[in-house]
Amino acid sequence: MKEIPEHVHGTKNGYTQYCCRCISCKDANSAYKREYYKRNKDRIRAQQREYAKKNKDKISTYSKQYREKNKDKILAFQRQYREENKEKNRIYFRQYREKNKDKIRKYQREWLKRRKLNES
C-alpha cells in the first residue's frame, strides 16, 4: 500500500489514488461524485436507460432472485412504511377512488361475473 502524504488527506485523490478511507477523504470523494452527477445528469440517465433496455432479462432475473431471497426483509419494510404513513396513504387512496370511480366499478362488476361463473 502506498504511503499517504498528509496534504492528500481530504481530497478525491486521497480516496481514489491512495485508497484512503478516512472520513475527510470519503467526504471529498462523495462531494466530487455529487457535483459530477449534477453536471452530467442527462448523459448518465441516458446511459442507464440504454443499459436497462439492453439488459432487460438480466435485470428481471436479478430482481426476481433478490425479491425471493429478501422476501421477509421487503415485507417488513413495506409493513413499517404503511404503519408510519397511514394518513398519507388514506388520503392518497381516497383521492384515487374519487378520480377512478368508473374504473373501480367496472373492475368490481367483472370480478363478480368471474366469481359467479366459477361458482356455477
PDB file of N, CA and C in Angstrom:
ATOM      1  N   MET A   1       0.833  -1.181   0.000  1.00  0.00           N
ATOM      2  CA  MET A   1       0.000   0.000   0.000  1.00  0.00           C
ATOM      3  C   MET A   1       0.879   1.245   0.000  1.00  0.00           C
ATOM      4  N   LYS A   2       0.455   2.249  -0.766  1.00  0.00           N
ATOM      5  CA  LYS A   2       1.228   3.478  -0.876  1.00  0.00           C
ATOM      6  C   LYS A   2       1.194   4.260   0.429  1.00  0.00           C
ATOM      7  N   GLU A   3       2.299   4.928   0.701  1.00  0.00           N
ATOM      8  CA  GLU A   3       2.345   5.851   1.830  1.00  0.00           C
ATOM      9  C   GLU A   3       1.521   7.083   1.462  1.00  0.00           C
ATOM     10  N   ILE A   4       0.640   7.503   2.356  1.00  0.00           N
ATOM     11  CA  ILE A   4      -0.271   8.605   2.052  1.00  0.00           C
ATOM     12  C   ILE A   4       0.312   9.918   2.551  1.00  0.00           C
ATOM     13  N   PRO A   5       0.656  10.830   1.634  1.00  0.00           N
ATOM     14  CA  PRO A   5       1.162  12.137   2.064  1.00  0.00           C
ATOM     15  C   PRO A   5       0.053  12.896   2.809  1.00  0.00           C
ATOM     16  N   GLU A   6       0.442  13.655   3.791  1.00  0.00           N
ATOM     17  CA  GLU A   6      -0.532  14.361   4.635  1.00  0.00           C
ATOM     18  C   GLU A   6      -1.371  15.361   3.845  1.00  0.00           C
ATOM     19  N   HIS A   7      -0.770  16.005   2.835  1.00  0.00           N
ATOM     20  CA  HIS A   7      -1.502  17.025   2.074  1.00  0.00           C
ATOM     21  C   HIS A   7      -2.591  16.416   1.177  1.00  0.00           C
ATOM     22  N   VAL A   8      -2.598  15.100   1.047  1.00  0.00           N
ATOM     23  CA  VAL A   8      -3.570  14.427   0.190  1.00  0.00           C
ATOM     24  C   VAL A   8      -4.864  14.137   0.949  1.00  0.00           C
ATOM     25  N   HIS A   9      -4.793  14.074   2.255  1.00  0.00           N
ATOM     26  CA  HIS A   9      -5.992  13.784   3.047  1.00  0.00           C
ATOM     27  C   HIS A   9      -7.065  14.849   2.814  1.00  0.00           C
ATOM     28  N   GLY A  10      -8.283  14.368   2.705  1.00  0.00           N
ATOM     29  CA  GLY A  10      -9.405  15.283   2.494  1.00  0.00           C
ATOM     30  C   GLY A  10      -9.597  15.655   1.038  1.00  0.00           C
ATOM     31  N   THR A  11      -9.008  14.865   0.133  1.00  0.00           N
ATOM     32  CA  THR A  11      -9.160  15.127  -1.290  1.00  0.00           C
ATOM     33  C   THR A  11      -9.698  13.886  -2.000  1.00  0.00           C
ATOM     34  N   LYS A  12     -10.238  14.100  -3.186  1.00  0.00           N
ATOM     35  CA  LYS A  12     -10.699  12.994  -4.015  1.00  0.00           C
ATOM     36  C   LYS A  12      -9.509  12.108  -4.376  1.00  0.00           C
ATOM     37  N   ASN A  13      -8.368  12.720  -4.626  1.00  0.00           N
ATOM     38  CA  ASN A  13      -7.163  11.987  -4.972  1.00  0.00           C
ATOM     39  C   ASN A  13      -6.746  11.040  -3.837  1.00  0.00           C
ATOM     40  N   GLY A  14      -6.907  11.483  -2.609  1.00  0.00           N
ATOM     41  CA  GLY A  14      -6.578  10.620  -1.471  1.00  0.00           C
ATOM     42  C   GLY A  14      -7.447   9.367  -1.462  1.00  0.00           C
ATOM     43  N   TYR A  15      -8.699   9.536  -1.832  1.00  0.00           N
ATOM     44  CA  TYR A  15      -9.632   8.414  -1.845  1.00  0.00           C
ATOM     45  C   TYR A  15      -9.348   7.474  -3.008  1.00  0.00           C
ATOM     46  N   THR A  16      -9.142   8.041  -4.223  1.00  0.00           N
ATOM     47  CA  THR A  16      -9.011   7.201  -5.410  1.00  0.00           C
ATOM     48  C   THR A  16      -7.599   6.661  -5.618  1.00  0.00           C
ATOM     49  N   GLN A  17      -6.590   7.510  -5.538  1.00  0.00           N
ATOM     50  CA  GLN A  17      -5.229   7.079  -5.838  1.00  0.00           C
ATOM     51  C   GLN A  17      -4.546   6.365  -4.674  1.00  0.00           C
ATOM     52  N   TYR A  18      -4.851   6.801  -3.456  1.00  0.00           N
ATOM     53  CA  TYR A  18      -4.173   6.229  -2.287  1.00  0.00           C
ATOM     54  C   TYR A  18      -5.070   5.300  -1.483  1.00  0.00           C
ATOM     55  N   CYS A  19      -6.306   5.119  -1.942  1.00  0.00           N
ATOM     56  CA  CYS A  19      -7.273   4.222  -1.266  1.00  0.00           C
ATOM     57  C   CYS A  19      -7.463   4.571   0.205  1.00  0.00           C
ATOM     58  N   CYS A  20      -7.351   5.857   0.522  1.00  0.00           N
ATOM     59  CA  CYS A  20      -7.555   6.297   1.896  1.00  0.00           C
ATOM     60  C   CYS A  20      -9.056   6.337   2.174  1.00  0.00           C
ATOM     61  N   ARG A  21      -9.458   5.755   3.285  1.00  0.00           N
ATOM     62  CA  ARG A  21     -10.880   5.708   3.606  1.00  0.00           C
ATOM     63  C   ARG A  21     -11.201   6.490   4.883  1.00  0.00           C
ATOM     64  N   CYS A  22     -10.390   7.497   5.172  1.00  0.00           N
ATOM     65  CA  CYS A  22     -10.689   8.340   6.322  1.00  0.00           C
ATOM     66  C   CYS A  22     -11.929   9.178   5.992  1.00  0.00           C
ATOM     67  N   ILE A  23     -12.567   9.709   6.991  1.00  0.00           N
ATOM     68  CA  ILE A  23     -13.821  10.437   6.800  1.00  0.00           C
ATOM     69  C   ILE A  23     -13.649  11.622   5.857  1.00  0.00           C
ATOM     70  N   SER A  24     -12.556  12.362   5.989  1.00  0.00           N
ATOM     71  CA  SER A  24     -12.393  13.549   5.141  1.00  0.00           C
ATOM     72  C   SER A  24     -12.189  13.166   3.671  1.00  0.00           C
ATOM     73  N   CYS A  25     -11.486  12.073   3.396  1.00  0.00           N
ATOM     74  CA  CYS A  25     -11.309  11.628   2.009  1.00  0.00           C
ATOM     75  C   CYS A  25     -12.621  11.088   1.439  1.00  0.00           C
ATOM     76  N   LYS A  26     -13.388  10.361   2.262  1.00  0.00           N
ATOM     77  CA  LYS A  26     -14.690   9.862   1.822  1.00  0.00           C
ATOM     78  C   LYS A  26     -15.620  11.031   1.495  1.00  0.00           C
ATOM     79  N   ASP A  27     -15.621  12.036   2.357  1.00  0.00           N
ATOM     80  CA  ASP A  27     -16.472  13.206   2.130  1.00  0.00           C
ATOM     81  C   ASP A  27     -16.080  13.948   0.853  1.00  0.00           C
ATOM     82  N   ALA A  28     -14.771  14.074   0.621  1.00  0.00           N
ATOM     83  CA  ALA A  28     -14.301  14.767  -0.585  1.00  0.00           C
ATOM     84  C   ALA A  28     -14.716  13.994  -1.832  1.00  0.00           C
ATOM     85  N   ASN A  29     -14.600  12.673  -1.805  1.00  0.00           N
ATOM     86  CA  ASN A  29     -14.995  11.861  -2.947  1.00  0.00           C
ATOM     87  C   ASN A  29     -16.506  11.928  -3.177  1.00  0.00           C
ATOM     88  N   SER A  30     -17.277  11.885  -2.104  1.00  0.00           N
ATOM     89  CA  SER A  30     -18.737  11.986  -2.220  1.00  0.00           C
ATOM     90  C   SER A  30     -19.143  13.333  -2.822  1.00  0.00           C
ATOM     91  N   ALA A  31     -18.488  14.398  -2.378  1.00  0.00           N
ATOM     92  CA  ALA A  31     -18.790  15.730  -2.908  1.00  0.00           C
ATOM     93  C   ALA A  31     -18.469  15.793  -4.398  1.00  0.00           C
ATOM     94  N   TYR A  32     -17.349  15.188  -4.792  1.00  0.00           N
ATOM     95  CA  TYR A  32     -16.976  15.167  -6.209  1.00  0.00           C
ATOM     96  C   TYR A  32     -18.029  14.411  -7.023  1.00  0.00           C
ATOM     97  N   LYS A  33     -18.415  13.233  -6.536  1.00  0.00           N
ATOM     98  CA  LYS A  33     -19.412  12.425  -7.253  1.00  0.00           C
ATOM     99  C   LYS A  33     -20.741  13.161  -7.365  1.00  0.00           C
ATOM    100  N   ARG A  34     -21.145  13.844  -6.305  1.00  0.00           N
ATOM    101  CA  ARG A  34     -22.393  14.604  -6.300  1.00  0.00           C
ATOM    102  C   ARG A  34     -22.359  15.697  -7.369  1.00  0.00           C
ATOM    103  N   GLU A  35     -21.266  16.447  -7.414  1.00  0.00           N
ATOM    104  CA  GLU A  35     -21.118  17.516  -8.400  1.00  0.00           C
ATOM    105  C   GLU A  35     -21.045  16.955  -9.819  1.00  0.00           C
ATOM    106  N   TYR A  36     -20.331  15.849  -9.981  1.00  0.00           N
ATOM    107  CA  TYR A  36     -20.213  15.214 -11.288  1.00  0.00           C
ATOM    108  C   TYR A  36     -21.601  14.811 -11.792  1.00  0.00           C
ATOM    109  N   TYR A  37     -22.407  14.224 -10.912  1.00  0.00           N
ATOM    110  CA  TYR A  37     -23.753  13.807 -11.295  1.00  0.00           C
ATOM    111  C   TYR A  37     -24.605  15.001 -11.692  1.00  0.00           C
ATOM    112  N   LYS A  38     -24.489  16.084 -10.935  1.00  0.00           N
ATOM    113  CA  LYS A  38     -25.267  17.289 -11.263  1.00  0.00           C
ATOM    114  C   LYS A  38     -24.898  17.815 -12.649  1.00  0.00           C
ATOM    115  N   ARG A  39     -23.603  17.801 -12.969  1.00  0.00           N
ATOM    116  CA  ARG A  39     -23.147  18.315 -14.264  1.00  0.00           C
ATOM    117  C   ARG A  39     -23.518  17.389 -15.420  1.00  0.00           C
ATOM    118  N   ASN A  40     -23.619  16.081 -15.171  1.00  0.00           N
ATOM    119  CA  ASN A  40     -23.801  15.104 -16.238  1.00  0.00           C
ATOM    120  C   ASN A  40     -25.080  14.282 -16.097  1.00  0.00           C
ATOM    121  N   LYS A  41     -26.077  14.832 -15.413  1.00  0.00           N
ATOM    122  CA  LYS A  41     -27.301  14.098 -15.094  1.00  0.00           C
ATOM    123  C   LYS A  41     -27.975  13.503 -16.324  1.00  0.00           C
ATOM    124  N   ASP A  42     -28.147  14.297 -17.369  1.00  0.00           N
ATOM    125  CA  ASP A  42     -28.842  13.825 -18.561  1.00  0.00           C
ATOM    126  C   ASP A  42     -28.089  12.676 -19.239  1.00  0.00           C
ATOM    127  N   ARG A  43     -26.783  12.817 -19.367  1.00  0.00           N
ATOM    128  CA  ARG A  43     -25.970  11.779 -20.010  1.00  0.00           C
ATOM    129  C   ARG A  43     -25.998  10.492 -19.189  1.00  0.00           C
ATOM    130  N   ILE A  44     -25.900  10.606 -17.872  1.00  0.00           N
ATOM    131  CA  ILE A  44     -25.913   9.428 -17.001  1.00  0.00           C
ATOM    132  C   ILE A  44     -27.260   8.720 -17.085  1.00  0.00           C
ATOM    133  N   ARG A  45     -28.337   9.484 -17.049  1.00  0.00           N
ATOM    134  CA  ARG A  45     -29.671   8.878 -17.140  1.00  0.00           C
ATOM    135  C   ARG A  45     -29.882   8.193 -18.484  1.00  0.00           C
ATOM    136  N   ALA A  46     -29.374   8.795 -19.553  1.00  0.00           N
ATOM    137  CA  ALA A  46     -29.491   8.178 -20.878  1.00  0.00           C
ATOM    138  C   ALA A  46     -28.728   6.856 -20.906  1.00  0.00           C
ATOM    139  N   GLN A  47     -27.551   6.825 -20.306  1.00  0.00           N
ATOM    140  CA  GLN A  47     -26.768   5.587 -20.241  1.00  0.00           C
ATOM    141  C   GLN A  47     -27.508   4.523 -19.433  1.00  0.00           C
ATOM    142  N   GLN A  48     -28.123   4.933 -18.339  1.00  0.00           N
ATOM    143  CA  GLN A  48     -28.864   3.980 -17.508  1.00  0.00           C
ATOM    144  C   GLN A  48     -30.063   3.413 -18.261  1.00  0.00           C
ATOM    145  N   ARG A  49     -30.772   4.276 -18.983  1.00  0.00           N
ATOM    146  CA  ARG A  49     -31.916   3.799 -19.779  1.00  0.00           C
ATOM    147  C   ARG A  49     -31.449   2.816 -20.854  1.00  0.00           C
ATOM    148  N   GLU A  50     -30.362   3.140 -21.521  1.00  0.00           N
ATOM    149  CA  GLU A  50     -29.816   2.280 -22.573  1.00  0.00           C
ATOM    150  C   GLU A  50     -29.399   0.926 -21.998  1.00  0.00           C
ATOM    151  N   TYR A  51     -28.735   0.950 -20.846  1.00  0.00           N
ATOM    152  CA  TYR A  51     -28.329  -0.296 -20.198  1.00  0.00           C
ATOM    153  C   TYR A  51     -29.547  -1.135 -19.832  1.00  0.00           C
ATOM    154  N   ALA A  52     -30.570  -0.490 -19.278  1.00  0.00           N
ATOM    155  CA  ALA A  52     -31.780  -1.208 -18.878  1.00  0.00           C
ATOM    156  C   ALA A  52     -32.462  -1.824 -20.093  1.00  0.00           C
ATOM    157  N   LYS A  53     -32.458  -1.102 -21.209  1.00  0.00           N
ATOM    158  CA  LYS A  53     -33.075  -1.610 -22.432  1.00  0.00           C
ATOM    159  C   LYS A  53     -32.321  -2.842 -22.959  1.00  0.00           C
ATOM    160  N   LYS A  54     -30.995  -2.771 -22.943  1.00  0.00           N
ATOM    161  CA  LYS A  54     -30.177  -3.865 -23.469  1.00  0.00           C
ATOM    162  C   LYS A  54     -30.145  -5.082 -22.544  1.00  0.00           C
ATOM    163  N   ASN A  55     -30.364  -4.879 -21.250  1.00  0.00           N
ATOM    164  CA  ASN A  55     -30.212  -5.960 -20.273  1.00  0.00           C
ATOM    165  C   ASN A  55     -31.501  -6.262 -19.526  1.00  0.00           C
ATOM    166  N   LYS A  56     -32.625  -6.162 -20.218  1.00  0.00           N
ATOM    167  CA  LYS A  56     -33.931  -6.352 -19.594  1.00  0.00           C
ATOM    168  C   LYS A  56     -34.034  -7.706 -18.887  1.00  0.00           C
ATOM    169  N   ASP A  57     -33.634  -8.767 -19.570  1.00  0.00           N
ATOM    170  CA  ASP A  57     -33.732 -10.119 -18.997  1.00  0.00           C
ATOM    171  C   ASP A  57     -32.826 -10.283 -17.783  1.00  0.00           C
ATOM    172  N   LYS A  58     -31.615  -9.774 -17.892  1.00  0.00           N
ATOM    173  CA  LYS A  58     -30.660  -9.871 -16.789  1.00  0.00           C
ATOM    174  C   LYS A  58     -31.181  -9.138 -15.547  1.00  0.00           C
ATOM    175  N   ILE A  59     -31.712  -7.943 -15.747  1.00  0.00           N
ATOM    176  CA  ILE A  59     -32.239  -7.144 -14.640  1.00  0.00           C
ATOM    177  C   ILE A  59     -33.469  -7.813 -14.045  1.00  0.00           C
ATOM    178  N   SER A  60     -34.326  -8.332 -14.904  1.00  0.00           N
ATOM    179  CA  SER A  60     -35.540  -9.006 -14.449  1.00  0.00           C
ATOM    180  C   SER A  60     -35.198 -10.230 -13.597  1.00  0.00           C
ATOM    181  N   THR A  61     -34.251 -11.030 -14.071  1.00  0.00           N
ATOM    182  CA  THR A  61     -33.822 -12.226 -13.331  1.00  0.00           C
ATOM    183  C   THR A  61     -33.228 -11.845 -11.984  1.00  0.00           C
ATOM    184  N   TYR A  62     -32.352 -10.838 -11.992  1.00  0.00           N
ATOM    185  CA  TYR A  62     -31.733 -10.397 -10.740  1.00  0.00           C
ATOM    186  C   TYR A  62     -32.789  -9.905  -9.755  1.00  0.00           C
ATOM    187  N   SER A  63     -33.726  -9.099 -10.246  1.00  0.00           N
ATOM    188  CA  SER A  63     -34.764  -8.544  -9.385  1.00  0.00           C
ATOM    189  C   SER A  63     -35.616  -9.651  -8.771  1.00  0.00           C
ATOM    190  N   LYS A  64     -35.966 -10.634  -9.576  1.00  0.00           N
ATOM    191  CA  LYS A  64     -36.778 -11.745  -9.091  1.00  0.00           C
ATOM    192  C   LYS A  64     -36.021 -12.522  -8.006  1.00  0.00           C
ATOM    193  N   GLN A  65     -34.753 -12.797  -8.261  1.00  0.00           N
ATOM    194  CA  GLN A  65     -33.943 -13.517  -7.269  1.00  0.00           C
ATOM    195  C   GLN A  65     -33.809 -12.710  -5.989  1.00  0.00           C
ATOM    196  N   TYR A  66     -33.610 -11.403  -6.109  1.00  0.00           N
ATOM    197  CA  TYR A  66     -33.478 -10.547  -4.937  1.00  0.00           C
ATOM    198  C   TYR A  66     -34.760 -10.575  -4.112  1.00  0.00           C
ATOM    199  N   ARG A  67     -35.919 -10.432  -4.796  1.00  0.00           N
ATOM    200  CA  ARG A  67     -37.200 -10.444  -4.086  1.00  0.00           C
ATOM    201  C   ARG A  67     -37.429 -11.773  -3.372  1.00  0.00           C
ATOM    202  N   GLU A  68     -37.083 -12.867  -4.016  1.00  0.00           N
ATOM    203  CA  GLU A  68     -37.259 -14.184  -3.386  1.00  0.00           C
ATOM    204  C   GLU A  68     -36.335 -14.344  -2.176  1.00  0.00           C
ATOM    205  N   LYS A  69     -35.101 -13.912  -2.333  1.00  0.00           N
ATOM    206  CA  LYS A  69     -34.102 -14.059  -1.271  1.00  0.00           C
ATOM    207  C   LYS A  69     -34.402 -13.147  -0.076  1.00  0.00           C
ATOM    208  N   ASN A  70     -34.979 -11.962  -0.333  1.00  0.00           N
ATOM    209  CA  ASN A  70     -35.196 -10.963   0.717  1.00  0.00           C
ATOM    210  C   ASN A  70     -36.668 -10.706   0.999  1.00  0.00           C
ATOM    211  N   LYS A  71     -37.490 -11.727   0.809  1.00  0.00           N
ATOM    212  CA  LYS A  71     -38.935 -11.567   0.944  1.00  0.00           C
ATOM    213  C   LYS A  71     -39.330 -11.009   2.318  1.00  0.00           C
ATOM    214  N   ASP A  72     -38.788 -11.587   3.386  1.00  0.00           N
ATOM    215  CA  ASP A  72     -39.133 -11.145   4.738  1.00  0.00           C
ATOM    216  C   ASP A  72     -38.700  -9.695   4.983  1.00  0.00           C
ATOM    217  N   LYS A  73     -37.517  -9.366   4.511  1.00  0.00           N
ATOM    218  CA  LYS A  73     -36.990  -8.011   4.684  1.00  0.00           C
ATOM    219  C   LYS A  73     -37.871  -6.994   3.950  1.00  0.00           C
ATOM    220  N   ILE A  74     -38.277  -7.329   2.730  1.00  0.00           N
ATOM    221  CA  ILE A  74     -39.119  -6.439   1.928  1.00  0.00           C
ATOM    222  C   ILE A  74     -40.482  -6.267   2.581  1.00  0.00           C
ATOM    223  N   LEU A  75     -41.077  -7.381   3.029  1.00  0.00           N
ATOM    224  CA  LEU A  75     -42.382  -7.311   3.686  1.00  0.00           C
ATOM    225  C   LEU A  75     -42.327  -6.476   4.961  1.00  0.00           C
ATOM    226  N   ALA A  76     -41.253  -6.640   5.733  1.00  0.00           N
ATOM    227  CA  ALA A  76     -41.099  -5.858   6.965  1.00  0.00           C
ATOM    228  C   ALA A  76     -40.985  -4.365   6.649  1.00  0.00           C
ATOM    229  N   PHE A  77     -40.223  -4.037   5.604  1.00  0.00           N
ATOM    230  CA  PHE A  77     -40.078  -2.637   5.209  1.00  0.00           C
ATOM    231  C   PHE A  77     -41.423  -2.060   4.773  1.00  0.00           C
ATOM    232  N   GLN A  78     -42.169  -2.823   3.970  1.00  0.00           N
ATOM    233  CA  GLN A  78     -43.473  -2.350   3.498  1.00  0.00           C
ATOM    234  C   GLN A  78     -44.442  -2.156   4.661  1.00  0.00           C
ATOM    235  N   ARG A  79     -44.429  -3.108   5.581  1.00  0.00           N
ATOM    236  CA  ARG A  79     -45.296  -3.024   6.758  1.00  0.00           C
ATOM    237  C   ARG A  79     -44.972  -1.771   7.566  1.00  0.00           C
ATOM    238  N   GLN A  80     -43.676  -1.544   7.780  1.00  0.00           N
ATOM    239  CA  GLN A  80     -43.230  -0.375   8.546  1.00  0.00           C
ATOM    240  C   GLN A  80     -43.630   0.920   7.831  1.00  0.00           C
ATOM    241  N   TYR A  81     -43.456   0.958   6.508  1.00  0.00           N
ATOM    242  CA  TYR A  81     -43.816   2.151   5.748  1.00  0.00           C
ATOM    243  C   TYR A  81     -45.313   2.438   5.873  1.00  0.00           C
ATOM    244  N   ARG A  82     -46.127   1.398   5.693  1.00  0.00           N
ATOM    245  CA  ARG A  82     -47.581   1.596   5.800  1.00  0.00           C
ATOM    246  C   ARG A  82     -47.962   2.089   7.190  1.00  0.00           C
ATOM    247  N   GLU A  83     -47.328   1.544   8.206  1.00  0.00           N
ATOM    248  CA  GLU A  83     -47.623   1.946   9.586  1.00  0.00           C
ATOM    249  C   GLU A  83     -47.239   3.410   9.823  1.00  0.00           C
ATOM    250  N   GLU A  84     -46.092   3.813   9.305  1.00  0.00           N
ATOM    251  CA  GLU A  84     -45.603   5.176   9.519  1.00  0.00           C
ATOM    252  C   GLU A  84     -46.322   6.211   8.647  1.00  0.00           C
ATOM    253  N   ASN A  85     -46.996   5.760   7.581  1.00  0.00           N
ATOM    254  CA  ASN A  85     -47.627   6.693   6.642  1.00  0.00           C
ATOM    255  C   ASN A  85     -49.118   6.424   6.468  1.00  0.00           C
ATOM    256  N   LYS A  86     -49.782   6.056   7.558  1.00  0.00           N
ATOM    257  CA  LYS A  86     -51.204   5.714   7.479  1.00  0.00           C
ATOM    258  C   LYS A  86     -52.036   6.852   6.911  1.00  0.00           C
ATOM    259  N   GLU A  87     -51.870   8.030   7.423  1.00  0.00           N
ATOM    260  CA  GLU A  87     -52.689   9.166   6.984  1.00  0.00           C
ATOM    261  C   GLU A  87     -52.387   9.528   5.527  1.00  0.00           C
ATOM    262  N   LYS A  88     -51.130   9.532   5.165  1.00  0.00           N
ATOM    263  CA  LYS A  88     -50.733   9.834   3.789  1.00  0.00           C
ATOM    264  C   LYS A  88     -51.377   8.833   2.818  1.00  0.00           C
ATOM    265  N   ASN A  89     -51.346   7.541   3.168  1.00  0.00           N
ATOM    266  CA  ASN A  89     -51.958   6.508   2.328  1.00  0.00           C
ATOM    267  C   ASN A  89     -53.471   6.656   2.274  1.00  0.00           C
ATOM    268  N   ARG A  90     -54.070   6.974   3.400  1.00  0.00           N
ATOM    269  CA  ARG A  90     -55.518   7.147   3.456  1.00  0.00           C
ATOM    270  C   ARG A  90     -55.949   8.257   2.493  1.00  0.00           C
ATOM    271  N   ILE A  91     -55.232   9.365   2.509  1.00  0.00           N
ATOM    272  CA  ILE A  91     -55.542  10.487   1.623  1.00  0.00           C
ATOM    273  C   ILE A  91     -55.340  10.084   0.159  1.00  0.00           C
ATOM    274  N   TYR A  92     -54.223   9.412  -0.120  1.00  0.00           N
ATOM    275  CA  TYR A  92     -53.927   9.001  -1.493  1.00  0.00           C
ATOM    276  C   TYR A  92     -55.021   8.093  -2.045  1.00  0.00           C
ATOM    277  N   PHE A  93     -55.388   7.067  -1.282  1.00  0.00           N
ATOM    278  CA  PHE A  93     -56.386   6.113  -1.779  1.00  0.00           C
ATOM    279  C   PHE A  93     -57.775   6.740  -1.881  1.00  0.00           C
ATOM    280  N   ARG A  94     -58.086   7.652  -0.997  1.00  0.00           N
ATOM    281  CA  ARG A  94     -59.364   8.351  -1.090  1.00  0.00           C
ATOM    282  C   ARG A  94     -59.416   9.148  -2.401  1.00  0.00           C
ATOM    283  N   GLN A  95     -58.334   9.856  -2.709  1.00  0.00           N
ATOM    284  CA  GLN A  95     -58.266  10.633  -3.948  1.00  0.00           C
ATOM    285  C   GLN A  95     -58.303   9.706  -5.170  1.00  0.00           C
ATOM    286  N   TYR A  96     -57.614   8.576  -5.088  1.00  0.00           N
ATOM    287  CA  TYR A  96     -57.607   7.624  -6.195  1.00  0.00           C
ATOM    288  C   TYR A  96     -59.014   7.099  -6.466  1.00  0.00           C
ATOM    289  N   ARG A  97     -59.702   6.699  -5.399  1.00  0.00           N
ATOM    290  CA  ARG A  97     -61.072   6.182  -5.560  1.00  0.00           C
ATOM    291  C   ARG A  97     -61.994   7.243  -6.144  1.00  0.00           C
ATOM    292  N   GLU A  98     -61.806   8.475  -5.725  1.00  0.00           N
ATOM    293  CA  GLU A  98     -62.643   9.573  -6.239  1.00  0.00           C
ATOM    294  C   GLU A  98     -62.395   9.798  -7.730  1.00  0.00           C
ATOM    295  N   LYS A  99     -61.138   9.759  -8.148  1.00  0.00           N
ATOM    296  CA  LYS A  99     -60.785  10.007  -9.550  1.00  0.00           C
ATOM    297  C   LYS A  99     -61.133   8.826 -10.459  1.00  0.00           C
ATOM    298  N   ASN A 100     -61.185   7.606  -9.915  1.00  0.00           N
ATOM    299  CA  ASN A 100     -61.333   6.408 -10.735  1.00  0.00           C
ATOM    300  C   ASN A 100     -62.579   5.602 -10.407  1.00  0.00           C
ATOM    301  N   LYS A 101     -63.659   6.275 -10.086  1.00  0.00           N
ATOM    302  CA  LYS A 101     -64.896   5.575  -9.720  1.00  0.00           C
ATOM    303  C   LYS A 101     -65.345   4.605 -10.807  1.00  0.00           C
ATOM    304  N   ASP A 102     -65.369   5.073 -12.052  1.00  0.00           N
ATOM    305  CA  ASP A 102     -65.836   4.225 -13.150  1.00  0.00           C
ATOM    306  C   ASP A 102     -64.940   2.998 -13.340  1.00  0.00           C
ATOM    307  N   LYS A 103     -63.670   3.212 -13.275  1.00  0.00           N
ATOM    308  CA  LYS A 103     -62.709   2.119 -13.438  1.00  0.00           C
ATOM    309  C   LYS A 103     -62.904   1.069 -12.332  1.00  0.00           C
ATOM    310  N   ILE A 104     -63.094   1.518 -11.124  1.00  0.00           N
ATOM    311  CA  ILE A 104     -63.285   0.621  -9.979  1.00  0.00           C
ATOM    312  C   ILE A 104     -64.599  -0.142 -10.112  1.00  0.00           C
ATOM    313  N   ARG A 105     -65.666   0.547 -10.488  1.00  0.00           N
ATOM    314  CA  ARG A 105     -66.968  -0.122 -10.673  1.00  0.00           C
ATOM    315  C   ARG A 105     -66.881  -1.196 -11.747  1.00  0.00           C
ATOM    316  N   LYS A 106     -66.220  -0.853 -12.850  1.00  0.00           N
ATOM    317  CA  LYS A 106     -66.072  -1.813 -13.959  1.00  0.00           C
ATOM    318  C   LYS A 106     -65.319  -3.053 -13.476  1.00  0.00           C
ATOM    319  N   TYR A 107     -64.236  -2.848 -12.746  1.00  0.00           N
ATOM    320  CA  TYR A 107     -63.457  -3.965 -12.224  1.00  0.00           C
ATOM    321  C   TYR A 107     -64.307  -4.826 -11.280  1.00  0.00           C
ATOM    322  N   GLN A 108     -65.068  -4.181 -10.420  1.00  0.00           N
ATOM    323  CA  GLN A 108     -65.904  -4.913  -9.464  1.00  0.00           C
ATOM    324  C   GLN A 108     -66.961  -5.749 -10.180  1.00  0.00           C
ATOM    325  N   ARG A 109     -67.584  -5.172 -11.210  1.00  0.00           N
ATOM    326  CA  ARG A 109     -68.592  -5.920 -11.971  1.00  0.00           C
ATOM    327  C   ARG A 109     -67.969  -7.142 -12.640  1.00  0.00           C
ATOM    328  N   GLU A 110     -66.793  -6.963 -13.252  1.00  0.00           N
ATOM    329  CA  GLU A 110     -66.105  -8.076 -13.903  1.00  0.00           C
ATOM    330  C   GLU A 110     -65.708  -9.145 -12.887  1.00  0.00           C
ATOM    331  N   TRP A 111     -65.266  -8.722 -11.732  1.00  0.00           N
ATOM    332  CA  TRP A 111     -64.878  -9.658 -10.674  1.00  0.00           C
ATOM    333  C   TRP A 111     -66.092 -10.487 -10.234  1.00  0.00           C
ATOM    334  N   LEU A 112     -67.225  -9.813 -10.051  1.00  0.00           N
ATOM    335  CA  LEU A 112     -68.443 -10.525  -9.659  1.00  0.00           C
ATOM    336  C   LEU A 112     -68.868 -11.537 -10.723  1.00  0.00           C
ATOM    337  N   LYS A 113     -68.780 -11.156 -11.995  1.00  0.00           N
ATOM    338  CA  LYS A 113     -69.121 -12.078 -13.080  1.00  0.00           C
ATOM    339  C   LYS A 113     -68.220 -13.309 -13.038  1.00  0.00           C
ATOM    340  N   ARG A 114     -66.927 -13.102 -12.907  1.00  0.00           N
ATOM    341  CA  ARG A 114     -65.983 -14.231 -12.860  1.00  0.00           C
ATOM    342  C   ARG A 114     -66.290 -15.118 -11.665  1.00  0.00           C
ATOM    343  N   ARG A 115     -66.603 -14.520 -10.554  1.00  0.00           N
ATOM    344  CA  ARG A 115     -66.886 -15.274  -9.335  1.00  0.00           C
ATOM    345  C   ARG A 115     -68.146 -16.130  -9.508  1.00  0.00           C
ATOM    346  N   LYS A 116     -69.193 -15.538 -10.096  1.00  0.00           N
ATOM    347  CA  LYS A 116     -70.434 -16.283 -10.320  1.00  0.00           C
ATOM    348  C   LYS A 116     -70.213 -17.437 -11.287  1.00  0.00           C
ATOM    349  N   LEU A 117     -69.389 -17.213 -12.327  1.00  0.00           N
ATOM    350  CA  LEU A 117     -69.086 -18.279 -13.280  1.00  0.00           C
ATOM    351  C   LEU A 117     -68.337 -19.433 -12.603  1.00  0.00           C
ATOM    352  N   ASN A 118     -67.427 -19.091 -11.699  1.00  0.00           N
ATOM    353  CA  ASN A 118     -66.640 -20.118 -11.005  1.00  0.00           C
ATOM    354  C   ASN A 118     -67.503 -20.917 -10.023  1.00  0.00           C
ATOM    355  N   GLU A 119     -68.498 -20.284  -9.457  1.00  0.00           N
ATOM    356  CA  GLU A 119     -69.369 -20.969  -8.503  1.00  0.00           C
ATOM    357  C   GLU A 119     -70.337 -21.915  -9.210  1.00  0.00           C
ATOM    358  N   SER A 120     -70.664 -21.620 -10.451  1.00  0.00           N
ATOM    359  CA  SER A 120     -71.631 -22.435 -11.200  1.00  0.00           C
ATOM    360  C   SER A 120     -71.078 -23.775 -11.584  1.00  0.00           C
TER     361      SER A 120
END
